[in-house]
Amino acid sequence: MSSAADGLETLLDLDGSIFEQDGGYWVKIEAWRVPVSPDIPHGVRYSLTLHDRYGTRALGYDNAHAVKPPRKFKFAGRRLAHDHRHRAANDKGVPYAFESAAQLLVDFFEEVDRVIKETQR
């Protein structure tokens, strides 16, 4: 079982990094400490994005804004998720279950590989 702090220093060290990927894609990572709050209990604000050769976002993981929970949860007092992922340029986001910074990096780069592989078929 991992704690939310696992990989946090690695994520923070990657702030401002840009990595070239196959097919003209590139990854940009932004991460910085913020005060712990109910919306950001892990104390880090992040944006991990995959862009195509034209600079269009193809994938993104971030916690910059809240996203509505899936429609199946129709009860009062529902909490809006701040950790989420965008599966396409125009996707408003779906909730992402943040476990740790280390797991965030693993999940993001696994999806980067999947997106790039799918476009090269």
PDB file of N, CA and C in Angstrom:
ATOM      1  N   MET A   1       0.858  -1.185   0.000  1.00  0.00           N
ATOM      2  CA  MET A   1       0.000   0.000   0.000  1.00  0.00           C
ATOM      3  C   MET A   1       0.896   1.237   0.000  1.00  0.00           C
ATOM      4  N   SER A   2       0.585   2.191  -0.825  1.00  0.00           N
ATOM      5  CA  SER A   2       1.416   3.383  -0.939  1.00  0.00           C
ATOM      6  C   SER A   2       0.753   4.552  -0.217  1.00  0.00           C
ATOM      7  N   SER A   3       1.577   5.515   0.164  1.00  0.00           N
ATOM      8  CA  SER A   3       1.038   6.732   0.764  1.00  0.00           C
ATOM      9  C   SER A   3       1.018   7.813  -0.301  1.00  0.00           C
ATOM     10  N   ALA A   4       0.233   8.858  -0.061  1.00  0.00           N
ATOM     11  CA  ALA A   4       0.119   9.952  -1.029  1.00  0.00           C
ATOM     12  C   ALA A   4       1.460  10.630  -1.267  1.00  0.00           C
ATOM     13  N   ALA A   5       2.397  10.533  -0.312  1.00  0.00           N
ATOM     14  CA  ALA A   5       3.706  11.182  -0.444  1.00  0.00           C
ATOM     15  C   ALA A   5       4.664  10.393  -1.345  1.00  0.00           C
ATOM     16  N   ASP A   6       4.356   9.132  -1.637  1.00  0.00           N
ATOM     17  CA  ASP A   6       5.225   8.322  -2.496  1.00  0.00           C
ATOM     18  C   ASP A   6       5.395   8.980  -3.855  1.00  0.00           C
ATOM     19  N   GLY A   7       6.641   9.256  -4.212  1.00  0.00           N
ATOM     20  CA  GLY A   7       6.939   9.834  -5.514  1.00  0.00           C
ATOM     21  C   GLY A   7       6.731  11.324  -5.605  1.00  0.00           C
ATOM     22  N   LEU A   8       6.338  11.968  -4.514  1.00  0.00           N
ATOM     23  CA  LEU A   8       6.043  13.395  -4.554  1.00  0.00           C
ATOM     24  C   LEU A   8       7.264  14.216  -4.946  1.00  0.00           C
ATOM     25  N   GLU A   9       8.416  13.923  -4.375  1.00  0.00           N
ATOM     26  CA  GLU A   9       9.628  14.683  -4.716  1.00  0.00           C
ATOM     27  C   GLU A   9      10.015  14.464  -6.176  1.00  0.00           C
ATOM     28  N   THR A  10       9.815  13.261  -6.683  1.00  0.00           N
ATOM     29  CA  THR A  10      10.093  12.982  -8.099  1.00  0.00           C
ATOM     30  C   THR A  10       9.186  13.828  -8.982  1.00  0.00           C
ATOM     31  N   LEU A  11       7.894  13.844  -8.666  1.00  0.00           N
ATOM     32  CA  LEU A  11       6.944  14.649  -9.442  1.00  0.00           C
ATOM     33  C   LEU A  11       7.337  16.127  -9.404  1.00  0.00           C
ATOM     34  N   LEU A  12       7.662  16.626  -8.225  1.00  0.00           N
ATOM     35  CA  LEU A  12       8.049  18.034  -8.096  1.00  0.00           C
ATOM     36  C   LEU A  12       9.339  18.333  -8.858  1.00  0.00           C
ATOM     37  N   ASP A  13      10.282  17.390  -8.852  1.00  0.00           N
ATOM     38  CA  ASP A  13      11.538  17.567  -9.597  1.00  0.00           C
ATOM     39  C   ASP A  13      11.303  17.629 -11.108  1.00  0.00           C
ATOM     40  N   LEU A  14      10.216  17.019 -11.580  1.00  0.00           N
ATOM     41  CA  LEU A  14       9.904  17.004 -13.011  1.00  0.00           C
ATOM     42  C   LEU A  14       9.212  18.279 -13.488  1.00  0.00           C
ATOM     43  N   ASP A  15       8.879  19.177 -12.562  1.00  0.00           N
ATOM     44  CA  ASP A  15       8.195  20.422 -12.933  1.00  0.00           C
ATOM     45  C   ASP A  15       8.964  21.152 -14.029  1.00  0.00           C
ATOM     46  N   GLY A  16       8.257  21.503 -15.088  1.00  0.00           N
ATOM     47  CA  GLY A  16       8.849  22.232 -16.213  1.00  0.00           C
ATOM     48  C   GLY A  16       9.486  21.340 -17.260  1.00  0.00           C
ATOM     49  N   SER A  17       9.432  20.036 -17.062  1.00  0.00           N
ATOM     50  CA  SER A  17      10.050  19.103 -18.013  1.00  0.00           C
ATOM     51  C   SER A  17       9.182  18.904 -19.245  1.00  0.00           C
ATOM     52  N   ILE A  18       9.859  18.759 -20.374  1.00  0.00           N
ATOM     53  CA  ILE A  18       9.206  18.407 -21.634  1.00  0.00           C
ATOM     54  C   ILE A  18       9.965  17.224 -22.204  1.00  0.00           C
ATOM     55  N   PHE A  19       9.233  16.171 -22.567  1.00  0.00           N
ATOM     56  CA  PHE A  19       9.835  14.943 -23.090  1.00  0.00           C
ATOM     57  C   PHE A  19       9.286  14.652 -24.477  1.00  0.00           C
ATOM     58  N   GLU A  20      10.152  14.491 -25.446  1.00  0.00           N
ATOM     59  CA  GLU A  20       9.738  14.099 -26.791  1.00  0.00           C
ATOM     60  C   GLU A  20       9.325  12.644 -26.782  1.00  0.00           C
ATOM     61  N   GLN A  21       8.297  12.332 -27.561  1.00  0.00           N
ATOM     62  CA  GLN A  21       7.768  10.978 -27.672  1.00  0.00           C
ATOM     63  C   GLN A  21       7.744  10.576 -29.145  1.00  0.00           C
ATOM     64  N   ASP A  22       7.459   9.314 -29.412  1.00  0.00           N
ATOM     65  CA  ASP A  22       7.351   8.830 -30.790  1.00  0.00           C
ATOM     66  C   ASP A  22       6.246   9.570 -31.543  1.00  0.00           C
ATOM     67  N   GLY A  23       6.373   9.621 -32.846  1.00  0.00           N
ATOM     68  CA  GLY A  23       5.337  10.167 -33.704  1.00  0.00           C
ATOM     69  C   GLY A  23       5.150  11.671 -33.602  1.00  0.00           C
ATOM     70  N   GLY A  24       6.123  12.392 -33.077  1.00  0.00           N
ATOM     71  CA  GLY A  24       6.008  13.841 -32.950  1.00  0.00           C
ATOM     72  C   GLY A  24       5.271  14.303 -31.703  1.00  0.00           C
ATOM     73  N   TYR A  25       4.829  13.368 -30.883  1.00  0.00           N
ATOM     74  CA  TYR A  25       4.165  13.719 -29.631  1.00  0.00           C
ATOM     75  C   TYR A  25       5.189  14.233 -28.629  1.00  0.00           C
ATOM     76  N   TRP A  26       4.709  14.982 -27.632  1.00  0.00           N
ATOM     77  CA  TRP A  26       5.569  15.429 -26.544  1.00  0.00           C
ATOM     78  C   TRP A  26       4.756  15.564 -25.267  1.00  0.00           C
ATOM     79  N   VAL A  27       5.438  15.383 -24.139  1.00  0.00           N
ATOM     80  CA  VAL A  27       4.830  15.425 -22.813  1.00  0.00           C
ATOM     81  C   VAL A  27       5.349  16.641 -22.071  1.00  0.00           C
ATOM     82  N   LYS A  28       4.464  17.320 -21.373  1.00  0.00           N
ATOM     83  CA  LYS A  28       4.849  18.448 -20.519  1.00  0.00           C
ATOM     84  C   LYS A  28       4.363  18.164 -19.103  1.00  0.00           C
ATOM     85  N   ILE A  29       5.231  18.379 -18.123  1.00  0.00           N
ATOM     86  CA  ILE A  29       4.881  18.146 -16.718  1.00  0.00           C
ATOM     87  C   ILE A  29       5.058  19.437 -15.928  1.00  0.00           C
ATOM     88  N   GLU A  30       4.012  19.789 -15.188  1.00  0.00           N
ATOM     89  CA  GLU A  30       4.059  20.920 -14.270  1.00  0.00           C
ATOM     90  C   GLU A  30       3.576  20.412 -12.918  1.00  0.00           C
ATOM     91  N   ALA A  31       4.285  20.766 -11.842  1.00  0.00           N
ATOM     92  CA  ALA A  31       3.884  20.339 -10.499  1.00  0.00           C
ATOM     93  C   ALA A  31       4.516  21.270  -9.476  1.00  0.00           C
ATOM     94  N   TRP A  32       3.724  21.719  -8.508  1.00  0.00           N
ATOM     95  CA  TRP A  32       4.250  22.582  -7.470  1.00  0.00           C
ATOM     96  C   TRP A  32       3.433  22.381  -6.195  1.00  0.00           C
ATOM     97  N   ARG A  33       4.074  22.652  -5.067  1.00  0.00           N
ATOM     98  CA  ARG A  33       3.409  22.517  -3.765  1.00  0.00           C
ATOM     99  C   ARG A  33       2.377  23.623  -3.570  1.00  0.00           C
ATOM    100  N   VAL A  34       1.292  23.252  -2.917  1.00  0.00           N
ATOM    101  CA  VAL A  34       0.255  24.195  -2.510  1.00  0.00           C
ATOM    102  C   VAL A  34      -0.182  23.799  -1.102  1.00  0.00           C
ATOM    103  N   PRO A  35      -0.835  24.697  -0.391  1.00  0.00           N
ATOM    104  CA  PRO A  35      -1.331  24.311   0.936  1.00  0.00           C
ATOM    105  C   PRO A  35      -2.324  23.150   0.824  1.00  0.00           C
ATOM    106  N   VAL A  36      -2.268  22.253   1.765  1.00  0.00           N
ATOM    107  CA  VAL A  36      -3.223  21.151   1.818  1.00  0.00           C
ATOM    108  C   VAL A  36      -4.610  21.737   2.068  1.00  0.00           C
ATOM    109  N   SER A  37      -5.586  21.230   1.331  1.00  0.00           N
ATOM    110  CA  SER A  37      -6.971  21.687   1.470  1.00  0.00           C
ATOM    111  C   SER A  37      -7.894  20.501   1.202  1.00  0.00           C
ATOM    112  N   PRO A  38      -9.173  20.646   1.470  1.00  0.00           N
ATOM    113  CA  PRO A  38     -10.102  19.551   1.153  1.00  0.00           C
ATOM    114  C   PRO A  38     -10.086  19.185  -0.337  1.00  0.00           C
ATOM    115  N   ASP A  39      -9.857  20.173  -1.211  1.00  0.00           N
ATOM    116  CA  ASP A  39      -9.834  19.913  -2.648  1.00  0.00           C
ATOM    117  C   ASP A  39      -8.506  19.309  -3.104  1.00  0.00           C
ATOM    118  N   ILE A  40      -7.425  19.648  -2.404  1.00  0.00           N
ATOM    119  CA  ILE A  40      -6.097  19.153  -2.775  1.00  0.00           C
ATOM    120  C   ILE A  40      -5.426  18.595  -1.515  1.00  0.00           C
ATOM    121  N   PRO A  41      -5.875  17.441  -1.048  1.00  0.00           N
ATOM    122  CA  PRO A  41      -5.375  16.888   0.213  1.00  0.00           C
ATOM    123  C   PRO A  41      -3.919  16.428   0.178  1.00  0.00           C
ATOM    124  N   HIS A  42      -3.374  16.245  -1.015  1.00  0.00           N
ATOM    125  CA  HIS A  42      -1.994  15.786  -1.136  1.00  0.00           C
ATOM    126  C   HIS A  42      -1.007  16.943  -1.236  1.00  0.00           C
ATOM    127  N   GLY A  43      -1.497  18.188  -1.291  1.00  0.00           N
ATOM    128  CA  GLY A  43      -0.639  19.367  -1.253  1.00  0.00           C
ATOM    129  C   GLY A  43       0.200  19.626  -2.480  1.00  0.00           C
ATOM    130  N   VAL A  44      -0.235  19.145  -3.626  1.00  0.00           N
ATOM    131  CA  VAL A  44       0.490  19.412  -4.873  1.00  0.00           C
ATOM    132  C   VAL A  44      -0.516  19.709  -5.982  1.00  0.00           C
ATOM    133  N   ARG A  45      -0.242  20.733  -6.726  1.00  0.00           N
ATOM    134  CA  ARG A  45      -1.022  21.080  -7.911  1.00  0.00           C
ATOM    135  C   ARG A  45      -0.236  20.533  -9.092  1.00  0.00           C
ATOM    136  N   TYR A  46      -0.902  19.872 -10.040  1.00  0.00           N
ATOM    137  CA  TYR A  46      -0.169  19.253 -11.147  1.00  0.00           C
ATOM    138  C   TYR A  46      -0.947  19.326 -12.447  1.00  0.00           C
ATOM    139  N   SER A  47      -0.178  19.252 -13.535  1.00  0.00           N
ATOM    140  CA  SER A  47      -0.724  19.160 -14.874  1.00  0.00           C
ATOM    141  C   SER A  47       0.259  18.330 -15.698  1.00  0.00           C
ATOM    142  N   LEU A  48      -0.164  17.157 -16.114  1.00  0.00           N
ATOM    143  CA  LEU A  48       0.645  16.275 -16.960  1.00  0.00           C
ATOM    144  C   LEU A  48      -0.102  16.152 -18.282  1.00  0.00           C
ATOM    145  N   THR A  49       0.520  16.583 -19.368  1.00  0.00           N
ATOM    146  CA  THR A  49      -0.191  16.601 -20.645  1.00  0.00           C
ATOM    147  C   THR A  49       0.626  15.962 -21.762  1.00  0.00           C
ATOM    148  N   LEU A  50      -0.080  15.330 -22.678  1.00  0.00           N
ATOM    149  CA  LEU A  50       0.486  14.782 -23.903  1.00  0.00           C
ATOM    150  C   LEU A  50      -0.055  15.620 -25.044  1.00  0.00           C
ATOM    151  N   HIS A  51       0.830  16.089 -25.924  1.00  0.00           N
ATOM    152  CA  HIS A  51       0.441  16.923 -27.061  1.00  0.00           C
ATOM    153  C   HIS A  51       0.873  16.261 -28.358  1.00  0.00           C
ATOM    154  N   ASP A  52       0.100  16.486 -29.421  1.00  0.00           N
ATOM    155  CA  ASP A  52       0.494  15.966 -30.726  1.00  0.00           C
ATOM    156  C   ASP A  52       1.490  16.924 -31.375  1.00  0.00           C
ATOM    157  N   ARG A  53       1.918  16.593 -32.577  1.00  0.00           N
ATOM    158  CA  ARG A  53       2.938  17.396 -33.273  1.00  0.00           C
ATOM    159  C   ARG A  53       2.497  18.832 -33.539  1.00  0.00           C
ATOM    160  N   TYR A  54       1.175  19.093 -33.465  1.00  0.00           N
ATOM    161  CA  TYR A  54       0.648  20.432 -33.700  1.00  0.00           C
ATOM    162  C   TYR A  54       0.421  21.203 -32.400  1.00  0.00           C
ATOM    163  N   GLY A  55       0.734  20.582 -31.285  1.00  0.00           N
ATOM    164  CA  GLY A  55       0.564  21.222 -29.986  1.00  0.00           C
ATOM    165  C   GLY A  55      -0.800  21.021 -29.354  1.00  0.00           C
ATOM    166  N   THR A  56      -1.671  20.244 -29.994  1.00  0.00           N
ATOM    167  CA  THR A  56      -3.001  19.985 -29.461  1.00  0.00           C
ATOM    168  C   THR A  56      -2.913  18.945 -28.351  1.00  0.00           C
ATOM    169  N   ARG A  57      -3.565  19.228 -27.228  1.00  0.00           N
ATOM    170  CA  ARG A  57      -3.550  18.267 -26.122  1.00  0.00           C
ATOM    171  C   ARG A  57      -4.304  17.011 -26.522  1.00  0.00           C
ATOM    172  N   ALA A  58      -3.650  15.873 -26.399  1.00  0.00           N
ATOM    173  CA  ALA A  58      -4.266  14.584 -26.701  1.00  0.00           C
ATOM    174  C   ALA A  58      -4.684  13.856 -25.429  1.00  0.00           C
ATOM    175  N   LEU A  59      -4.090  14.242 -24.295  1.00  0.00           N
ATOM    176  CA  LEU A  59      -4.341  13.581 -23.023  1.00  0.00           C
ATOM    177  C   LEU A  59      -3.873  14.513 -21.920  1.00  0.00           C
ATOM    178  N   GLY A  60      -4.556  14.502 -20.800  1.00  0.00           N
ATOM    179  CA  GLY A  60      -4.114  15.317 -19.684  1.00  0.00           C
ATOM    180  C   GLY A  60      -4.602  14.794 -18.356  1.00  0.00           C
ATOM    181  N   TYR A  61      -3.749  14.893 -17.353  1.00  0.00           N
ATOM    182  CA  TYR A  61      -4.102  14.596 -15.969  1.00  0.00           C
ATOM    183  C   TYR A  61      -3.823  15.872 -15.189  1.00  0.00           C
ATOM    184  N   ASP A  62      -4.805  16.356 -14.419  1.00  0.00           N
ATOM    185  CA  ASP A  62      -4.552  17.554 -13.630  1.00  0.00           C
ATOM    186  C   ASP A  62      -5.544  17.658 -12.482  1.00  0.00           C
ATOM    187  N   ASN A  63      -5.332  18.671 -11.656  1.00  0.00           N
ATOM    188  CA  ASN A  63      -6.264  18.958 -10.566  1.00  0.00           C
ATOM    189  C   ASN A  63      -6.509  20.457 -10.479  1.00  0.00           C
ATOM    190  N   ALA A  64      -6.587  21.116 -11.630  1.00  0.00           N
ATOM    191  CA  ALA A  64      -6.749  22.564 -11.702  1.00  0.00           C
ATOM    192  C   ALA A  64      -8.194  23.014 -11.504  1.00  0.00           C
ATOM    193  N   HIS A  65      -9.157  22.154 -11.751  1.00  0.00           N
ATOM    194  CA  HIS A  65     -10.559  22.528 -11.621  1.00  0.00           C
ATOM    195  C   HIS A  65     -11.364  21.296 -11.257  1.00  0.00           C
ATOM    196  N   ALA A  66     -12.527  21.511 -10.700  1.00  0.00           N
ATOM    197  CA  ALA A  66     -13.392  20.394 -10.320  1.00  0.00           C
ATOM    198  C   ALA A  66     -14.123  19.852 -11.545  1.00  0.00           C
ATOM    199  N   VAL A  67     -14.409  18.573 -11.509  1.00  0.00           N
ATOM    200  CA  VAL A  67     -15.234  17.951 -12.544  1.00  0.00           C
ATOM    201  C   VAL A  67     -16.411  17.272 -11.859  1.00  0.00           C
ATOM    202  N   LYS A  68     -17.518  17.232 -12.565  1.00  0.00           N
ATOM    203  CA  LYS A  68     -18.705  16.609 -12.004  1.00  0.00           C
ATOM    204  C   LYS A  68     -18.506  15.099 -11.917  1.00  0.00           C
ATOM    205  N   PRO A  69     -19.025  14.486 -10.845  1.00  0.00           N
ATOM    206  CA  PRO A  69     -18.962  13.027 -10.758  1.00  0.00           C
ATOM    207  C   PRO A  69     -19.839  12.395 -11.835  1.00  0.00           C
ATOM    208  N   PRO A  70     -19.627  11.105 -12.117  1.00  0.00           N
ATOM    209  CA  PRO A  70     -20.474  10.430 -13.117  1.00  0.00           C
ATOM    210  C   PRO A  70     -21.951  10.585 -12.761  1.00  0.00           C
ATOM    211  N   ARG A  71     -22.800  10.606 -13.757  1.00  0.00           N
ATOM    212  CA  ARG A  71     -24.239  10.848 -13.570  1.00  0.00           C
ATOM    213  C   ARG A  71     -24.915   9.806 -12.683  1.00  0.00           C
ATOM    214  N   LYS A  72     -24.345   8.642 -12.534  1.00  0.00           N
ATOM    215  CA  LYS A  72     -24.993   7.608 -11.739  1.00  0.00           C
ATOM    216  C   LYS A  72     -25.099   8.008 -10.263  1.00  0.00           C
ATOM    217  N   PHE A  73     -24.327   9.015  -9.843  1.00  0.00           N
ATOM    218  CA  PHE A  73     -24.383   9.486  -8.465  1.00  0.00           C
ATOM    219  C   PHE A  73     -25.282  10.720  -8.405  1.00  0.00           C
ATOM    220  N   LYS A  74     -26.575  10.509  -8.164  1.00  0.00           N
ATOM    221  CA  LYS A  74     -27.535  11.615  -8.162  1.00  0.00           C
ATOM    222  C   LYS A  74     -28.042  11.865  -6.742  1.00  0.00           C
ATOM    223  N   PHE A  75     -27.143  12.285  -5.873  1.00  0.00           N
ATOM    224  CA  PHE A  75     -27.578  12.586  -4.522  1.00  0.00           C
ATOM    225  C   PHE A  75     -27.012  13.933  -4.095  1.00  0.00           C
ATOM    226  N   ALA A  76     -27.707  14.578  -3.179  1.00  0.00           N
ATOM    227  CA  ALA A  76     -27.286  15.902  -2.706  1.00  0.00           C
ATOM    228  C   ALA A  76     -25.978  15.773  -1.932  1.00  0.00           C
ATOM    229  N   GLY A  77     -25.201  16.819  -1.951  1.00  0.00           N
ATOM    230  CA  GLY A  77     -23.958  16.837  -1.198  1.00  0.00           C
ATOM    231  C   GLY A  77     -22.820  16.089  -1.860  1.00  0.00           C
ATOM    232  N   ARG A  78     -22.963  15.766  -3.119  1.00  0.00           N
ATOM    233  CA  ARG A  78     -21.886  15.038  -3.791  1.00  0.00           C
ATOM    234  C   ARG A  78     -20.650  15.918  -3.911  1.00  0.00           C
ATOM    235  N   ARG A  79     -19.506  15.306  -3.846  1.00  0.00           N
ATOM    236  CA  ARG A  79     -18.250  16.036  -3.899  1.00  0.00           C
ATOM    237  C   ARG A  79     -17.734  16.065  -5.343  1.00  0.00           C
ATOM    238  N   LEU A  80     -17.283  17.221  -5.770  1.00  0.00           N
ATOM    239  CA  LEU A  80     -16.712  17.343  -7.105  1.00  0.00           C
ATOM    240  C   LEU A  80     -15.236  16.999  -7.046  1.00  0.00           C
ATOM    241  N   ALA A  81     -14.807  16.125  -7.926  1.00  0.00           N
ATOM    242  CA  ALA A  81     -13.411  15.688  -7.944  1.00  0.00           C
ATOM    243  C   ALA A  81     -12.523  16.771  -8.544  1.00  0.00           C
ATOM    244  N   HIS A  82     -11.382  16.994  -7.944  1.00  0.00           N
ATOM    245  CA  HIS A  82     -10.411  17.915  -8.521  1.00  0.00           C
ATOM    246  C   HIS A  82      -9.354  17.135  -9.298  1.00  0.00           C
ATOM    247  N   ASP A  83      -8.969  15.963  -8.832  1.00  0.00           N
ATOM    248  CA  ASP A  83      -8.038  15.122  -9.593  1.00  0.00           C
ATOM    249  C   ASP A  83      -8.836  14.476 -10.715  1.00  0.00           C
ATOM    250  N   HIS A  84      -8.365  14.665 -11.947  1.00  0.00           N
ATOM    251  CA  HIS A  84      -9.108  14.126 -13.083  1.00  0.00           C
ATOM    252  C   HIS A  84      -8.191  13.975 -14.294  1.00  0.00           C
ATOM    253  N   ARG A  85      -8.749  13.369 -15.328  1.00  0.00           N
ATOM    254  CA  ARG A  85      -8.003  13.217 -16.582  1.00  0.00           C
ATOM    255  C   ARG A  85      -8.887  13.619 -17.743  1.00  0.00           C
ATOM    256  N   HIS A  86      -8.224  14.131 -18.765  1.00  0.00           N
ATOM    257  CA  HIS A  86      -8.891  14.504 -20.010  1.00  0.00           C
ATOM    258  C   HIS A  86      -8.434  13.490 -21.057  1.00  0.00           C
ATOM    259  N   ARG A  87      -9.371  12.816 -21.703  1.00  0.00           N
ATOM    260  CA  ARG A  87      -9.034  11.771 -22.665  1.00  0.00           C
ATOM    261  C   ARG A  87      -8.902  12.270 -24.087  1.00  0.00           C
ATOM    262  N   ALA A  88      -9.166  13.561 -24.289  1.00  0.00           N
ATOM    263  CA  ALA A  88      -9.054  14.170 -25.622  1.00  0.00           C
ATOM    264  C   ALA A  88      -8.999  15.679 -25.443  1.00  0.00           C
ATOM    265  N   ALA A  89      -8.729  16.389 -26.517  1.00  0.00           N
ATOM    266  CA  ALA A  89      -8.577  17.840 -26.448  1.00  0.00           C
ATOM    267  C   ALA A  89      -9.825  18.537 -25.912  1.00  0.00           C
ATOM    268  N   ASN A  90     -11.014  18.051 -26.276  1.00  0.00           N
ATOM    269  CA  ASN A  90     -12.251  18.722 -25.875  1.00  0.00           C
ATOM    270  C   ASN A  90     -12.960  18.045 -24.707  1.00  0.00           C
ATOM    271  N   ASP A  91     -12.341  17.063 -24.092  1.00  0.00           N
ATOM    272  CA  ASP A  91     -12.905  16.337 -22.955  1.00  0.00           C
ATOM    273  C   ASP A  91     -12.846  17.229 -21.715  1.00  0.00           C
ATOM    274  N   LYS A  92     -13.981  17.443 -21.039  1.00  0.00           N
ATOM    275  CA  LYS A  92     -14.015  18.294 -19.847  1.00  0.00           C
ATOM    276  C   LYS A  92     -13.426  17.599 -18.632  1.00  0.00           C
ATOM    277  N   GLY A  93     -13.164  16.312 -18.721  1.00  0.00           N
ATOM    278  CA  GLY A  93     -12.514  15.582 -17.650  1.00  0.00           C
ATOM    279  C   GLY A  93     -13.409  14.572 -16.970  1.00  0.00           C
ATOM    280  N   VAL A  94     -12.785  13.499 -16.519  1.00  0.00           N
ATOM    281  CA  VAL A  94     -13.443  12.481 -15.711  1.00  0.00           C
ATOM    282  C   VAL A  94     -12.612  12.309 -14.450  1.00  0.00           C
ATOM    283  N   PRO A  95     -13.250  11.995 -13.316  1.00  0.00           N
ATOM    284  CA  PRO A  95     -12.516  11.876 -12.068  1.00  0.00           C
ATOM    285  C   PRO A  95     -11.364  10.859 -12.158  1.00  0.00           C
ATOM    286  N   TYR A  96     -10.279  11.174 -11.474  1.00  0.00           N
ATOM    287  CA  TYR A  96      -9.118  10.298 -11.363  1.00  0.00           C
ATOM    288  C   TYR A  96      -8.872  10.066  -9.878  1.00  0.00           C
ATOM    289  N   ALA A  97      -8.740   8.819  -9.470  1.00  0.00           N
ATOM    290  CA  ALA A  97      -8.512   8.472  -8.064  1.00  0.00           C
ATOM    291  C   ALA A  97      -7.026   8.595  -7.738  1.00  0.00           C
ATOM    292  N   PHE A  98      -6.617   9.747  -7.223  1.00  0.00           N
ATOM    293  CA  PHE A  98      -5.225   9.996  -6.865  1.00  0.00           C
ATOM    294  C   PHE A  98      -4.859   9.148  -5.655  1.00  0.00           C
ATOM    295  N   GLU A  99      -3.867   8.257  -5.833  1.00  0.00           N
ATOM    296  CA  GLU A  99      -3.359   7.426  -4.737  1.00  0.00           C
ATOM    297  C   GLU A  99      -2.037   7.980  -4.226  1.00  0.00           C
ATOM    298  N   SER A 100      -1.152   8.306  -5.169  1.00  0.00           N
ATOM    299  CA  SER A 100       0.168   8.841  -4.842  1.00  0.00           C
ATOM    300  C   SER A 100       0.744   9.475  -6.099  1.00  0.00           C
ATOM    301  N   ALA A 101       1.755  10.313  -5.905  1.00  0.00           N
ATOM    302  CA  ALA A 101       2.409  10.930  -7.059  1.00  0.00           C
ATOM    303  C   ALA A 101       3.082   9.861  -7.916  1.00  0.00           C
ATOM    304  N   ALA A 102       3.648   8.849  -7.278  1.00  0.00           N
ATOM    305  CA  ALA A 102       4.291   7.771  -8.032  1.00  0.00           C
ATOM    306  C   ALA A 102       3.275   7.062  -8.926  1.00  0.00           C
ATOM    307  N   GLN A 103       2.105   6.738  -8.379  1.00  0.00           N
ATOM    308  CA  GLN A 103       1.078   6.054  -9.166  1.00  0.00           C
ATOM    309  C   GLN A 103       0.533   6.960 -10.257  1.00  0.00           C
ATOM    310  N   LEU A 104       0.428   8.258  -9.979  1.00  0.00           N
ATOM    311  CA  LEU A 104       0.006   9.224 -10.995  1.00  0.00           C
ATOM    312  C   LEU A 104       0.934   9.162 -12.200  1.00  0.00           C
ATOM    313  N   LEU A 105       2.235   9.171 -11.963  1.00  0.00           N
ATOM    314  CA  LEU A 105       3.213   9.112 -13.060  1.00  0.00           C
ATOM    315  C   LEU A 105       3.094   7.802 -13.831  1.00  0.00           C
ATOM    316  N   VAL A 106       2.935   6.695 -13.117  1.00  0.00           N
ATOM    317  CA  VAL A 106       2.779   5.393 -13.783  1.00  0.00           C
ATOM    318  C   VAL A 106       1.524   5.396 -14.648  1.00  0.00           C
ATOM    319  N   ASP A 107       0.399   5.817 -14.078  1.00  0.00           N
ATOM    320  CA  ASP A 107      -0.870   5.818 -14.821  1.00  0.00           C
ATOM    321  C   ASP A 107      -0.786   6.723 -16.041  1.00  0.00           C
ATOM    322  N   PHE A 108      -0.215   7.913 -15.868  1.00  0.00           N
ATOM    323  CA  PHE A 108      -0.116   8.855 -16.975  1.00  0.00           C
ATOM    324  C   PHE A 108       0.740   8.290 -18.103  1.00  0.00           C
ATOM    325  N   PHE A 109       1.934   7.805 -17.792  1.00  0.00           N
ATOM    326  CA  PHE A 109       2.816   7.327 -18.856  1.00  0.00           C
ATOM    327  C   PHE A 109       2.315   6.033 -19.500  1.00  0.00           C
ATOM    328  N   GLU A 110       1.584   5.204 -18.764  1.00  0.00           N
ATOM    329  CA  GLU A 110       0.951   4.038 -19.389  1.00  0.00           C
ATOM    330  C   GLU A 110      -0.085   4.494 -20.414  1.00  0.00           C
ATOM    331  N   GLU A 111      -0.847   5.523 -20.060  1.00  0.00           N
ATOM    332  CA  GLU A 111      -1.857   6.018 -20.999  1.00  0.00           C
ATOM    333  C   GLU A 111      -1.217   6.750 -22.175  1.00  0.00           C
ATOM    334  N   VAL A 112      -0.107   7.456 -21.934  1.00  0.00           N
ATOM    335  CA  VAL A 112       0.646   8.081 -23.027  1.00  0.00           C
ATOM    336  C   VAL A 112       1.040   7.011 -24.035  1.00  0.00           C
ATOM    337  N   ASP A 113       1.619   5.920 -23.554  1.00  0.00           N
ATOM    338  CA  ASP A 113       2.035   4.833 -24.447  1.00  0.00           C
ATOM    339  C   ASP A 113       0.846   4.278 -25.227  1.00  0.00           C
ATOM    340  N   ARG A 114      -0.300   4.114 -24.553  1.00  0.00           N
ATOM    341  CA  ARG A 114      -1.485   3.570 -25.214  1.00  0.00           C
ATOM    342  C   ARG A 114      -1.983   4.516 -26.309  1.00  0.00           C
ATOM    343  N   VAL A 115      -2.063   5.815 -26.002  1.00  0.00           N
ATOM    344  CA  VAL A 115      -2.553   6.798 -26.979  1.00  0.00           C
ATOM    345  C   VAL A 115      -1.648   6.826 -28.208  1.00  0.00           C
ATOM    346  N   ILE A 116      -0.353   6.876 -27.998  1.00  0.00           N
ATOM    347  CA  ILE A 116       0.582   6.932 -29.116  1.00  0.00           C
ATOM    348  C   ILE A 116       0.504   5.646 -29.945  1.00  0.00           C
ATOM    349  N   LYS A 117       0.422   4.506 -29.283  1.00  0.00           N
ATOM    350  CA  LYS A 117       0.331   3.232 -29.986  1.00  0.00           C
ATOM    351  C   LYS A 117      -0.941   3.153 -30.833  1.00  0.00           C
ATOM    352  N   GLU A 118      -2.073   3.630 -30.271  1.00  0.00           N
ATOM    353  CA  GLU A 118      -3.332   3.611 -31.014  1.00  0.00           C
ATOM    354  C   GLU A 118      -3.294   4.491 -32.257  1.00  0.00           C
ATOM    355  N   THR A 119      -2.595   5.602 -32.202  1.00  0.00           N
ATOM    356  CA  THR A 119      -2.553   6.503 -33.344  1.00  0.00           C
ATOM    357  C   THR A 119      -1.594   6.023 -34.429  1.00  0.00           C
ATOM    358  N   GLN A 120      -0.723   5.092 -34.095  1.00  0.00           N
ATOM    359  CA  GLN A 120       0.253   4.594 -35.059  1.00  0.00           C
ATOM    360  C   GLN A 120      -0.189   3.308 -35.721  1.00  0.00           C
ATOM    361  N   ARG A 121      -1.428   2.906 -35.516  1.00  0.00           N
ATOM    362  CA  ARG A 121      -1.952   1.682 -36.151  1.00  0.00           C
ATOM    363  C   ARG A 121      -2.299   1.941 -37.596  1.00  0.00           C
TER     364      ARG A 121
END
